[in-house]
Amino acid sequence: MLPPGEHTPIERTHDAAPKPTLVDLLYEGFYMVFLLRNGKSPTTCADFSDRVTAFLTEFERQAKKDDYSPDDIFDSKYAFSALVDEAVLSSNFPLRDAWERHPLQLTLFGDQLAGEHFFDRLERARDKGKARLPSLDVFHMCLLLG
């Protein structure tokens, strides 16, 4: 026993918080899709597209900072964009027709075949196995919400 006033030193380790997953980084976007699916209509096509684009720009910045691979980042953005497009295009929102002419996939990737290419990209990622787990988790979440 130590005399009063003396304490044994306590070794403290300050482990850094685990880096967020790509799904974590897209959390607010997935919540937005949940709101879309529950009838919360965006105000205008241009404003909504700008907001989603800004969100994805910030997602990409943070994912790069967290050292995710460019392929995982790109595929995650692609999958999420396809999910947003599908949510808007399967709705009765007033901006649906305008969105159909300028979907997010076309704006960001020059592609209007997201429904088909989503699964092509998913298969390529699956072929890479564990190395592509970060983006595979995003694909999984998109499938759950889509």
N, C-alpha and C. Protein backbone atom coordinates (compact mmCIF):
# COMPACT_ATOMS: atom_id res chain seq x y z
N MET A 1 0.84 -1.17 0.00
CA MET A 1 0.00 0.00 0.00
C MET A 1 0.89 1.23 0.00
N LEU A 2 0.46 2.23 -0.76
CA LEU A 2 1.22 3.47 -0.85
C LEU A 2 0.83 4.44 0.25
N PRO A 3 1.79 5.24 0.69
CA PRO A 3 1.46 6.26 1.68
C PRO A 3 0.41 7.22 1.13
N PRO A 4 -0.38 7.85 1.99
CA PRO A 4 -1.39 8.78 1.52
C PRO A 4 -0.78 9.86 0.63
N GLY A 5 -1.50 10.21 -0.41
CA GLY A 5 -1.05 11.25 -1.32
C GLY A 5 -0.21 10.73 -2.47
N GLU A 6 0.25 9.48 -2.39
CA GLU A 6 1.03 8.92 -3.50
C GLU A 6 0.13 7.98 -4.29
N HIS A 7 0.26 8.08 -5.59
CA HIS A 7 -0.58 7.26 -6.47
C HIS A 7 0.31 6.49 -7.44
N THR A 8 -0.14 5.33 -7.77
CA THR A 8 0.59 4.60 -8.80
C THR A 8 0.24 5.24 -10.14
N PRO A 9 1.23 5.40 -10.96
CA PRO A 9 0.93 5.99 -12.27
C PRO A 9 0.04 5.06 -13.07
N ILE A 10 -0.93 5.63 -13.68
CA ILE A 10 -1.83 4.86 -14.55
C ILE A 10 -1.41 5.13 -15.98
N GLU A 11 -1.11 4.06 -16.63
CA GLU A 11 -0.70 4.20 -18.02
C GLU A 11 -1.95 4.38 -18.87
N ARG A 12 -1.98 5.47 -19.57
CA ARG A 12 -3.14 5.74 -20.42
C ARG A 12 -2.71 5.64 -21.88
N THR A 13 -3.54 5.02 -22.61
CA THR A 13 -3.30 4.98 -24.05
C THR A 13 -4.40 5.78 -24.71
N HIS A 14 -4.00 6.59 -25.59
CA HIS A 14 -4.96 7.42 -26.33
C HIS A 14 -5.02 6.91 -27.76
N ASP A 15 -5.73 5.83 -27.91
CA ASP A 15 -5.89 5.28 -29.24
C ASP A 15 -6.74 6.24 -30.06
N ALA A 16 -6.31 6.43 -31.26
CA ALA A 16 -7.10 7.27 -32.16
C ALA A 16 -8.43 6.57 -32.43
N ALA A 17 -9.43 7.37 -32.60
CA ALA A 17 -10.74 6.80 -32.94
C ALA A 17 -10.61 6.05 -34.26
N PRO A 18 -11.33 4.96 -34.39
CA PRO A 18 -11.24 4.23 -35.66
C PRO A 18 -11.74 5.11 -36.79
N LYS A 19 -11.12 4.95 -37.94
CA LYS A 19 -11.55 5.79 -39.06
C LYS A 19 -12.96 5.40 -39.47
N PRO A 20 -13.74 6.38 -39.88
CA PRO A 20 -15.12 6.06 -40.27
C PRO A 20 -15.13 5.22 -41.55
N THR A 21 -16.12 4.38 -41.65
CA THR A 21 -16.28 3.60 -42.88
C THR A 21 -16.87 4.51 -43.96
N LEU A 22 -16.86 4.04 -45.20
CA LEU A 22 -17.49 4.81 -46.27
C LEU A 22 -18.99 4.93 -46.03
N VAL A 23 -19.58 3.90 -45.46
CA VAL A 23 -21.01 3.97 -45.11
C VAL A 23 -21.22 5.06 -44.06
N ASP A 24 -20.32 5.15 -43.08
CA ASP A 24 -20.41 6.22 -42.08
C ASP A 24 -20.36 7.59 -42.75
N LEU A 25 -19.44 7.74 -43.69
CA LEU A 25 -19.28 9.03 -44.36
C LEU A 25 -20.50 9.40 -45.20
N LEU A 26 -21.25 8.40 -45.63
CA LEU A 26 -22.46 8.63 -46.43
C LEU A 26 -23.73 8.63 -45.58
N TYR A 27 -23.59 8.54 -44.27
CA TYR A 27 -24.75 8.39 -43.39
C TYR A 27 -25.83 9.44 -43.65
N GLU A 28 -25.45 10.70 -43.68
CA GLU A 28 -26.47 11.74 -43.88
C GLU A 28 -27.13 11.63 -45.24
N GLY A 29 -26.39 11.18 -46.23
CA GLY A 29 -26.97 10.95 -47.54
C GLY A 29 -27.97 9.81 -47.52
N PHE A 30 -27.65 8.75 -46.80
CA PHE A 30 -28.60 7.64 -46.68
C PHE A 30 -29.86 8.08 -45.94
N TYR A 31 -29.68 8.93 -44.95
CA TYR A 31 -30.85 9.48 -44.25
C TYR A 31 -31.70 10.32 -45.20
N MET A 32 -31.05 11.09 -46.07
CA MET A 32 -31.78 11.88 -47.06
C MET A 32 -32.61 10.96 -47.97
N VAL A 33 -32.02 9.84 -48.39
CA VAL A 33 -32.76 8.89 -49.23
C VAL A 33 -33.94 8.32 -48.46
N PHE A 34 -33.74 8.03 -47.18
CA PHE A 34 -34.85 7.57 -46.34
C PHE A 34 -35.99 8.60 -46.35
N LEU A 35 -35.64 9.88 -46.23
CA LEU A 35 -36.66 10.93 -46.27
C LEU A 35 -37.36 10.98 -47.63
N LEU A 36 -36.59 10.84 -48.70
CA LEU A 36 -37.19 10.81 -50.04
C LEU A 36 -38.18 9.66 -50.15
N ARG A 37 -37.77 8.50 -49.68
CA ARG A 37 -38.62 7.31 -49.74
C ARG A 37 -39.90 7.47 -48.92
N ASN A 38 -39.86 8.37 -47.96
CA ASN A 38 -41.03 8.61 -47.11
C ASN A 38 -41.78 9.88 -47.50
N GLY A 39 -41.58 10.32 -48.74
CA GLY A 39 -42.39 11.40 -49.29
C GLY A 39 -41.91 12.81 -49.09
N LYS A 40 -40.72 13.00 -48.54
CA LYS A 40 -40.18 14.36 -48.36
C LYS A 40 -39.61 14.82 -49.70
N SER A 41 -40.34 15.71 -50.37
CA SER A 41 -39.96 16.15 -51.71
C SER A 41 -38.95 17.30 -51.66
N PRO A 42 -37.89 17.21 -52.46
CA PRO A 42 -36.97 18.35 -52.59
C PRO A 42 -37.70 19.54 -53.22
N THR A 43 -37.17 20.73 -53.00
CA THR A 43 -37.84 21.93 -53.50
C THR A 43 -37.70 22.09 -55.00
N THR A 44 -36.47 22.20 -55.49
CA THR A 44 -36.27 22.32 -56.93
C THR A 44 -35.21 21.33 -57.38
N CYS A 45 -35.26 21.01 -58.65
CA CYS A 45 -34.31 20.06 -59.22
C CYS A 45 -32.88 20.59 -59.10
N ALA A 46 -32.67 21.84 -59.51
CA ALA A 46 -31.32 22.41 -59.51
C ALA A 46 -30.76 22.50 -58.09
N ASP A 47 -31.56 22.97 -57.16
CA ASP A 47 -31.10 23.10 -55.78
C ASP A 47 -30.77 21.73 -55.18
N PHE A 48 -31.64 20.77 -55.40
CA PHE A 48 -31.40 19.44 -54.86
C PHE A 48 -30.15 18.81 -55.48
N SER A 49 -30.01 18.93 -56.78
CA SER A 49 -28.82 18.39 -57.46
C SER A 49 -27.55 19.05 -56.93
N ASP A 50 -27.59 20.36 -56.75
CA ASP A 50 -26.42 21.08 -56.21
C ASP A 50 -26.08 20.60 -54.80
N ARG A 51 -27.10 20.39 -53.99
CA ARG A 51 -26.86 19.96 -52.61
C ARG A 51 -26.28 18.55 -52.55
N VAL A 52 -26.81 17.65 -53.38
CA VAL A 52 -26.29 16.28 -53.40
C VAL A 52 -24.86 16.28 -53.95
N THR A 53 -24.62 17.07 -54.98
CA THR A 53 -23.27 17.16 -55.55
C THR A 53 -22.28 17.69 -54.51
N ALA A 54 -22.67 18.72 -53.77
CA ALA A 54 -21.81 19.27 -52.71
C ALA A 54 -21.56 18.22 -51.62
N PHE A 55 -22.60 17.47 -51.27
CA PHE A 55 -22.46 16.41 -50.28
C PHE A 55 -21.44 15.37 -50.76
N LEU A 56 -21.54 14.97 -52.03
CA LEU A 56 -20.62 13.96 -52.56
C LEU A 56 -19.19 14.50 -52.69
N THR A 57 -19.06 15.78 -52.96
CA THR A 57 -17.73 16.40 -53.00
C THR A 57 -17.08 16.33 -51.62
N GLU A 58 -17.86 16.63 -50.59
CA GLU A 58 -17.35 16.56 -49.22
C GLU A 58 -17.06 15.10 -48.83
N PHE A 59 -17.93 14.18 -49.25
CA PHE A 59 -17.69 12.75 -49.00
C PHE A 59 -16.35 12.35 -49.60
N GLU A 60 -16.11 12.74 -50.85
CA GLU A 60 -14.87 12.36 -51.53
C GLU A 60 -13.65 12.97 -50.81
N ARG A 61 -13.75 14.23 -50.40
CA ARG A 61 -12.66 14.88 -49.70
C ARG A 61 -12.32 14.12 -48.41
N GLN A 62 -13.35 13.79 -47.65
CA GLN A 62 -13.12 13.09 -46.38
C GLN A 62 -12.61 11.67 -46.61
N ALA A 63 -13.14 10.98 -47.61
CA ALA A 63 -12.70 9.62 -47.90
C ALA A 63 -11.23 9.60 -48.33
N LYS A 64 -10.81 10.59 -49.10
CA LYS A 64 -9.39 10.68 -49.48
C LYS A 64 -8.54 10.95 -48.25
N LYS A 65 -9.01 11.84 -47.39
CA LYS A 65 -8.28 12.15 -46.16
C LYS A 65 -8.12 10.90 -45.29
N ASP A 66 -9.13 10.02 -45.32
CA ASP A 66 -9.09 8.78 -44.54
C ASP A 66 -8.40 7.64 -45.29
N ASP A 67 -7.77 7.95 -46.40
CA ASP A 67 -6.96 7.00 -47.18
C ASP A 67 -7.73 5.83 -47.79
N TYR A 68 -8.94 6.07 -48.21
CA TYR A 68 -9.65 5.04 -48.97
C TYR A 68 -9.15 5.05 -50.40
N SER A 69 -9.23 3.92 -51.06
CA SER A 69 -8.72 3.81 -52.42
C SER A 69 -9.60 4.62 -53.39
N PRO A 70 -8.98 5.14 -54.44
CA PRO A 70 -9.77 5.87 -55.45
C PRO A 70 -10.91 5.02 -56.03
N ASP A 71 -10.67 3.73 -56.22
CA ASP A 71 -11.72 2.85 -56.76
C ASP A 71 -12.89 2.73 -55.79
N ASP A 72 -12.60 2.58 -54.51
CA ASP A 72 -13.68 2.49 -53.52
C ASP A 72 -14.46 3.80 -53.45
N ILE A 73 -13.76 4.91 -53.51
CA ILE A 73 -14.43 6.21 -53.46
C ILE A 73 -15.31 6.41 -54.68
N PHE A 74 -14.76 6.14 -55.86
CA PHE A 74 -15.52 6.32 -57.09
C PHE A 74 -16.75 5.42 -57.11
N ASP A 75 -16.56 4.15 -56.81
CA ASP A 75 -17.69 3.22 -56.84
C ASP A 75 -18.75 3.57 -55.80
N SER A 76 -18.32 4.05 -54.65
CA SER A 76 -19.28 4.46 -53.62
C SER A 76 -20.10 5.66 -54.09
N LYS A 77 -19.44 6.62 -54.70
CA LYS A 77 -20.16 7.78 -55.24
C LYS A 77 -21.13 7.34 -56.34
N TYR A 78 -20.67 6.44 -57.19
CA TYR A 78 -21.51 5.95 -58.29
C TYR A 78 -22.75 5.24 -57.74
N ALA A 79 -22.53 4.35 -56.80
CA ALA A 79 -23.65 3.59 -56.22
C ALA A 79 -24.63 4.52 -55.52
N PHE A 80 -24.11 5.46 -54.74
CA PHE A 80 -24.99 6.39 -54.03
C PHE A 80 -25.77 7.26 -55.02
N SER A 81 -25.12 7.71 -56.07
CA SER A 81 -25.80 8.53 -57.08
C SER A 81 -26.92 7.74 -57.75
N ALA A 82 -26.66 6.47 -58.04
CA ALA A 82 -27.69 5.62 -58.63
C ALA A 82 -28.87 5.48 -57.67
N LEU A 83 -28.59 5.35 -56.39
CA LEU A 83 -29.64 5.24 -55.38
C LEU A 83 -30.50 6.50 -55.34
N VAL A 84 -29.86 7.66 -55.34
CA VAL A 84 -30.60 8.93 -55.32
C VAL A 84 -31.46 9.05 -56.58
N ASP A 85 -30.87 8.76 -57.74
CA ASP A 85 -31.64 8.83 -58.99
C ASP A 85 -32.85 7.91 -58.93
N GLU A 86 -32.64 6.70 -58.46
CA GLU A 86 -33.75 5.74 -58.40
C GLU A 86 -34.83 6.21 -57.43
N ALA A 87 -34.43 6.80 -56.32
CA ALA A 87 -35.41 7.29 -55.34
C ALA A 87 -36.25 8.42 -55.92
N VAL A 88 -35.62 9.33 -56.63
CA VAL A 88 -36.37 10.45 -57.23
C VAL A 88 -37.22 9.96 -58.39
N LEU A 89 -36.65 9.14 -59.26
CA LEU A 89 -37.37 8.71 -60.47
C LEU A 89 -38.52 7.75 -60.17
N SER A 90 -38.49 7.10 -59.03
CA SER A 90 -39.60 6.21 -58.68
C SER A 90 -40.65 6.93 -57.82
N SER A 91 -40.50 8.24 -57.69
CA SER A 91 -41.42 9.03 -56.87
C SER A 91 -42.45 9.75 -57.73
N ASN A 92 -43.35 10.44 -57.07
CA ASN A 92 -44.31 11.31 -57.74
C ASN A 92 -44.00 12.78 -57.47
N PHE A 93 -42.74 13.08 -57.14
CA PHE A 93 -42.36 14.45 -56.82
C PHE A 93 -42.53 15.36 -58.04
N PRO A 94 -42.86 16.63 -57.82
CA PRO A 94 -42.98 17.57 -58.93
C PRO A 94 -41.70 17.69 -59.77
N LEU A 95 -40.55 17.48 -59.17
CA LEU A 95 -39.30 17.62 -59.93
C LEU A 95 -38.89 16.35 -60.66
N ARG A 96 -39.70 15.31 -60.58
CA ARG A 96 -39.36 14.02 -61.18
C ARG A 96 -39.04 14.12 -62.67
N ASP A 97 -39.88 14.81 -63.45
CA ASP A 97 -39.65 14.90 -64.90
C ASP A 97 -38.36 15.65 -65.22
N ALA A 98 -38.10 16.73 -64.50
CA ALA A 98 -36.86 17.48 -64.72
C ALA A 98 -35.65 16.61 -64.34
N TRP A 99 -35.79 15.84 -63.27
CA TRP A 99 -34.69 14.96 -62.83
C TRP A 99 -34.42 13.88 -63.87
N GLU A 100 -35.49 13.41 -64.50
CA GLU A 100 -35.34 12.37 -65.52
C GLU A 100 -34.50 12.88 -66.69
N ARG A 101 -34.62 14.16 -67.01
CA ARG A 101 -33.83 14.74 -68.09
C ARG A 101 -32.38 14.98 -67.68
N HIS A 102 -32.14 15.19 -66.38
CA HIS A 102 -30.79 15.47 -65.88
C HIS A 102 -30.53 14.70 -64.58
N PRO A 103 -30.47 13.37 -64.66
CA PRO A 103 -30.21 12.60 -63.43
C PRO A 103 -28.79 12.86 -62.92
N LEU A 104 -28.61 12.56 -61.67
CA LEU A 104 -27.31 12.75 -61.03
C LEU A 104 -26.21 11.96 -61.75
N GLN A 105 -26.53 10.74 -62.16
CA GLN A 105 -25.55 9.91 -62.86
C GLN A 105 -25.03 10.59 -64.12
N LEU A 106 -25.92 11.23 -64.85
CA LEU A 106 -25.51 11.93 -66.07
C LEU A 106 -24.66 13.14 -65.72
N THR A 107 -25.09 13.89 -64.73
CA THR A 107 -24.36 15.09 -64.31
C THR A 107 -22.96 14.75 -63.82
N LEU A 108 -22.84 13.74 -62.97
CA LEU A 108 -21.55 13.43 -62.35
C LEU A 108 -20.67 12.48 -63.15
N PHE A 109 -21.29 11.56 -63.90
CA PHE A 109 -20.52 10.50 -64.53
C PHE A 109 -20.73 10.39 -66.04
N GLY A 110 -21.60 11.22 -66.61
CA GLY A 110 -21.87 11.15 -68.04
C GLY A 110 -22.52 9.84 -68.44
N ASP A 111 -23.31 9.27 -67.56
CA ASP A 111 -23.86 7.93 -67.73
C ASP A 111 -25.34 7.93 -67.37
N GLN A 112 -26.16 7.35 -68.23
CA GLN A 112 -27.59 7.24 -67.91
C GLN A 112 -28.02 5.79 -67.73
N LEU A 113 -27.09 4.89 -67.64
CA LEU A 113 -27.42 3.48 -67.48
C LEU A 113 -27.04 2.98 -66.09
N ALA A 114 -27.30 3.80 -65.11
CA ALA A 114 -26.88 3.48 -63.75
C ALA A 114 -27.47 2.16 -63.26
N GLY A 115 -28.70 1.88 -63.63
CA GLY A 115 -29.32 0.64 -63.19
C GLY A 115 -28.53 -0.59 -63.62
N GLU A 116 -28.02 -0.55 -64.84
CA GLU A 116 -27.23 -1.66 -65.36
C GLU A 116 -25.78 -1.59 -64.86
N HIS A 117 -25.18 -0.42 -64.95
CA HIS A 117 -23.77 -0.28 -64.58
C HIS A 117 -23.54 -0.42 -63.08
N PHE A 118 -24.55 -0.13 -62.28
CA PHE A 118 -24.45 -0.35 -60.83
C PHE A 118 -24.05 -1.80 -60.57
N PHE A 119 -24.75 -2.73 -61.21
CA PHE A 119 -24.49 -4.15 -60.97
C PHE A 119 -23.18 -4.61 -61.61
N ASP A 120 -22.79 -3.99 -62.73
CA ASP A 120 -21.48 -4.29 -63.32
C ASP A 120 -20.36 -3.89 -62.35
N ARG A 121 -20.48 -2.70 -61.79
CA ARG A 121 -19.47 -2.22 -60.84
C ARG A 121 -19.47 -3.08 -59.56
N LEU A 122 -20.65 -3.46 -59.12
CA LEU A 122 -20.75 -4.33 -57.95
C LEU A 122 -20.03 -5.65 -58.20
N GLU A 123 -20.24 -6.25 -59.35
CA GLU A 123 -19.58 -7.53 -59.66
C GLU A 123 -18.07 -7.38 -59.73
N ARG A 124 -17.59 -6.30 -60.34
CA ARG A 124 -16.14 -6.08 -60.41
C ARG A 124 -15.55 -5.92 -59.00
N ALA A 125 -16.26 -5.21 -58.15
CA ALA A 125 -15.78 -5.04 -56.77
C ALA A 125 -15.80 -6.38 -56.03
N ARG A 126 -16.85 -7.16 -56.24
CA ARG A 126 -16.94 -8.47 -55.58
C ARG A 126 -15.80 -9.38 -56.03
N ASP A 127 -15.42 -9.28 -57.30
CA ASP A 127 -14.32 -10.09 -57.81
C ASP A 127 -13.00 -9.79 -57.11
N LYS A 128 -12.86 -8.58 -56.58
CA LYS A 128 -11.62 -8.18 -55.89
C LYS A 128 -11.62 -8.62 -54.43
N GLY A 129 -12.77 -9.06 -53.93
CA GLY A 129 -12.85 -9.60 -52.58
C GLY A 129 -12.67 -8.58 -51.48
N LYS A 130 -11.97 -9.01 -50.44
CA LYS A 130 -11.82 -8.22 -49.21
C LYS A 130 -11.22 -6.84 -49.47
N ALA A 131 -10.37 -6.73 -50.47
CA ALA A 131 -9.73 -5.45 -50.76
C ALA A 131 -10.75 -4.36 -51.07
N ARG A 132 -11.91 -4.76 -51.54
CA ARG A 132 -12.94 -3.78 -51.93
C ARG A 132 -14.10 -3.74 -50.95
N LEU A 133 -13.90 -4.28 -49.77
CA LEU A 133 -14.95 -4.32 -48.75
C LEU A 133 -15.55 -2.95 -48.44
N PRO A 134 -14.76 -1.87 -48.36
CA PRO A 134 -15.37 -0.57 -48.05
C PRO A 134 -16.47 -0.17 -49.04
N SER A 135 -16.22 -0.34 -50.33
CA SER A 135 -17.26 0.03 -51.29
C SER A 135 -18.34 -1.04 -51.38
N LEU A 136 -18.00 -2.28 -51.13
CA LEU A 136 -19.03 -3.32 -51.12
C LEU A 136 -20.07 -3.05 -50.03
N ASP A 137 -19.63 -2.52 -48.90
CA ASP A 137 -20.58 -2.14 -47.84
C ASP A 137 -21.54 -1.05 -48.33
N VAL A 138 -21.01 -0.11 -49.11
CA VAL A 138 -21.86 0.96 -49.66
C VAL A 138 -22.86 0.37 -50.66
N PHE A 139 -22.39 -0.51 -51.54
CA PHE A 139 -23.31 -1.16 -52.48
C PHE A 139 -24.42 -1.88 -51.71
N HIS A 140 -24.05 -2.58 -50.66
CA HIS A 140 -25.02 -3.31 -49.85
C HIS A 140 -26.08 -2.36 -49.27
N MET A 141 -25.63 -1.24 -48.71
CA MET A 141 -26.57 -0.28 -48.14
C MET A 141 -27.48 0.30 -49.22
N CYS A 142 -26.92 0.56 -50.39
CA CYS A 142 -27.73 1.08 -51.50
C CYS A 142 -28.79 0.06 -51.91
N LEU A 143 -28.41 -1.19 -51.95
CA LEU A 143 -29.39 -2.23 -52.29
C LEU A 143 -30.48 -2.33 -51.22
N LEU A 144 -30.10 -2.19 -49.97
CA LEU A 144 -31.10 -2.23 -48.89
C LEU A 144 -32.09 -1.07 -48.99
N LEU A 145 -31.60 0.09 -49.36
CA LEU A 145 -32.46 1.28 -49.43
C LEU A 145 -33.15 1.44 -50.77
N GLY A 146 -32.65 0.73 -51.78
CA GLY A 146 -33.20 0.89 -53.13
C GLY A 146 -34.28 -0.07 -53.39
